[in-house]
Amino acid sequence: KWRIVFPNNGRQQKDWKQASTFYSGNRIQTTKYTWFTFLPQNLFEHFHRLCNLYFFFLVVLNWFPQVEVFHKEITMLPLIAVLLASMIKDAVEDYRKYQFDKMINFSKTRVYDK
């Protein structure tokens, strides 16, 4: 497969020079995470959901002996299972995006010039 790139036609040379300082590469990146930001960013996204906050509140509440209903570890199981499953799903999706971006970025290109 070929990517088709249309070069600047000269009329917007000043605008192109100004924009090229902000966008130094012509690389496509659709991934959300990096190796260092996966865990904090993913947990931040998951705890924006009300259901995850509810289960987290139950876990925290169950650590106090006055209101303990179940064993402390049992209350953490549903929250950990849901978070772990969704983290694995997000990691697989992001890795597939990374592979597709890599394929697109290293594909051959044709440049049309007058």
Protein backbone atom coordinates (compact mmCIF):
# COMPACT_ATOMS: atom_id res chain seq x y z
CA LYS A 1 0.00 0.00 0.00
CA TRP A 2 1.14 3.53 -0.77
CA ARG A 3 0.60 6.76 1.11
CA ILE A 4 0.03 9.79 -1.08
CA VAL A 5 1.56 13.05 0.12
CA PHE A 6 0.78 16.37 -1.56
CA PRO A 7 3.60 18.90 -1.11
CA ASN A 8 3.22 22.55 -0.29
CA ASN A 9 2.45 24.54 -3.42
CA GLY A 10 4.44 27.61 -2.36
CA ARG A 11 1.54 29.97 -1.62
CA GLN A 12 1.46 29.21 2.09
CA GLN A 13 5.24 29.00 2.59
CA LYS A 14 5.22 31.45 5.53
CA ASP A 15 2.41 29.59 7.30
CA TRP A 16 4.09 26.25 6.64
CA LYS A 17 7.36 27.39 8.21
CA GLN A 18 5.54 28.61 11.29
CA ALA A 19 3.51 25.41 11.65
CA SER A 20 6.51 23.16 11.01
CA THR A 21 8.21 24.37 14.18
CA PHE A 22 5.36 22.90 16.24
CA TYR A 23 5.06 19.69 14.18
CA SER A 24 8.60 18.54 13.56
CA GLY A 25 7.73 15.09 12.24
CA ASN A 26 5.23 13.60 9.88
CA ARG A 27 4.52 10.66 12.17
CA ILE A 28 1.07 9.35 13.02
CA GLN A 29 0.42 8.48 16.66
CA THR A 30 -3.02 7.40 17.83
CA THR A 31 -1.96 5.59 21.00
CA LYS A 32 -3.14 6.89 24.34
CA TYR A 33 -0.52 5.54 26.70
CA THR A 34 3.22 5.07 27.08
CA TRP A 35 5.02 2.59 29.32
CA PHE A 36 5.29 5.17 32.10
CA THR A 37 1.83 6.70 31.88
CA PHE A 38 -0.27 3.56 31.45
CA LEU A 39 -1.01 2.75 35.09
CA PRO A 40 -1.68 6.27 36.46
CA GLN A 41 -3.62 7.47 33.44
CA ASN A 42 -5.68 4.30 33.19
CA LEU A 43 -6.56 4.34 36.90
CA PHE A 44 -7.46 8.01 36.62
CA GLU A 45 -9.85 7.24 33.74
CA HIS A 46 -11.43 4.30 35.53
CA PHE A 47 -12.04 6.16 38.77
CA HIS A 48 -13.94 8.85 36.89
CA ARG A 49 -16.70 6.28 36.52
CA LEU A 50 -19.23 6.35 39.32
CA CYS A 51 -19.48 2.56 39.70
CA ASN A 52 -15.74 2.20 40.29
CA LEU A 53 -15.83 4.97 42.87
CA TYR A 54 -18.72 3.24 44.62
CA PHE A 55 -16.82 -0.05 44.91
CA PHE A 56 -13.69 1.81 46.01
CA PHE A 57 -15.76 3.55 48.71
CA LEU A 58 -17.00 0.13 49.91
CA VAL A 59 -13.44 -1.16 50.07
CA VAL A 60 -12.28 1.83 52.11
CA LEU A 61 -15.32 1.65 54.36
CA ASN A 62 -14.76 -2.04 55.01
CA TRP A 63 -11.27 -1.38 56.41
CA PHE A 64 -12.81 0.25 59.48
CA PRO A 65 -13.66 -2.39 62.12
CA GLN A 66 -16.83 -0.61 63.26
CA VAL A 67 -18.56 -0.96 59.87
CA GLU A 68 -16.86 -4.09 58.55
CA VAL A 69 -19.39 -6.40 56.94
CA PHE A 70 -17.21 -8.86 55.00
CA HIS A 71 -13.59 -9.77 55.14
CA LYS A 72 -11.40 -6.93 53.89
CA GLU A 73 -9.97 -8.96 51.05
CA ILE A 74 -13.35 -10.15 49.75
CA THR A 75 -14.61 -6.60 49.21
CA MET A 76 -11.57 -5.79 47.10
CA LEU A 77 -12.06 -8.73 44.72
CA PRO A 78 -14.84 -7.27 42.51
CA LEU A 79 -13.05 -3.96 42.12
CA ILE A 80 -9.69 -5.58 41.37
CA ALA A 81 -11.25 -8.02 38.89
CA VAL A 82 -13.05 -5.28 36.96
CA LEU A 83 -10.05 -2.96 36.94
CA LEU A 84 -7.66 -5.72 35.90
CA ALA A 85 -9.88 -6.92 33.07
CA SER A 86 -10.41 -3.41 31.71
CA MET A 87 -6.68 -2.60 32.03
CA ILE A 88 -5.78 -5.69 30.01
CA LYS A 89 -8.37 -4.75 27.37
CA ASP A 90 -7.05 -1.17 27.18
CA ALA A 91 -3.44 -2.37 26.94
CA VAL A 92 -4.26 -4.77 24.10
CA GLU A 93 -6.21 -2.09 22.21
CA ASP A 94 -3.42 0.44 22.64
CA TYR A 95 -0.80 -2.06 21.49
CA ARG A 96 -2.83 -2.80 18.35
CA LYS A 97 -3.05 0.94 17.67
CA TYR A 98 0.73 1.16 18.12
CA GLN A 99 1.30 -1.65 15.61
CA PHE A 100 -1.04 -0.05 13.06
CA ASP A 101 0.65 3.34 13.51
CA LYS A 102 4.03 1.71 13.03
CA MET A 103 2.83 0.06 9.82
CA ILE A 104 1.47 3.36 8.47
CA ASN A 105 4.55 5.36 9.46
CA PHE A 106 6.95 2.99 7.69
CA SER A 107 4.90 2.53 4.53
CA LYS A 108 6.19 3.74 1.16
CA THR A 109 5.01 7.13 -0.03
CA ARG A 110 4.55 8.85 -3.35
CA VAL A 111 5.05 12.57 -3.51
CA TYR A 112 3.41 14.50 -6.32
CA ASP A 113 5.34 17.49 -7.53
CA LYS A 114 4.87 19.73 -10.55
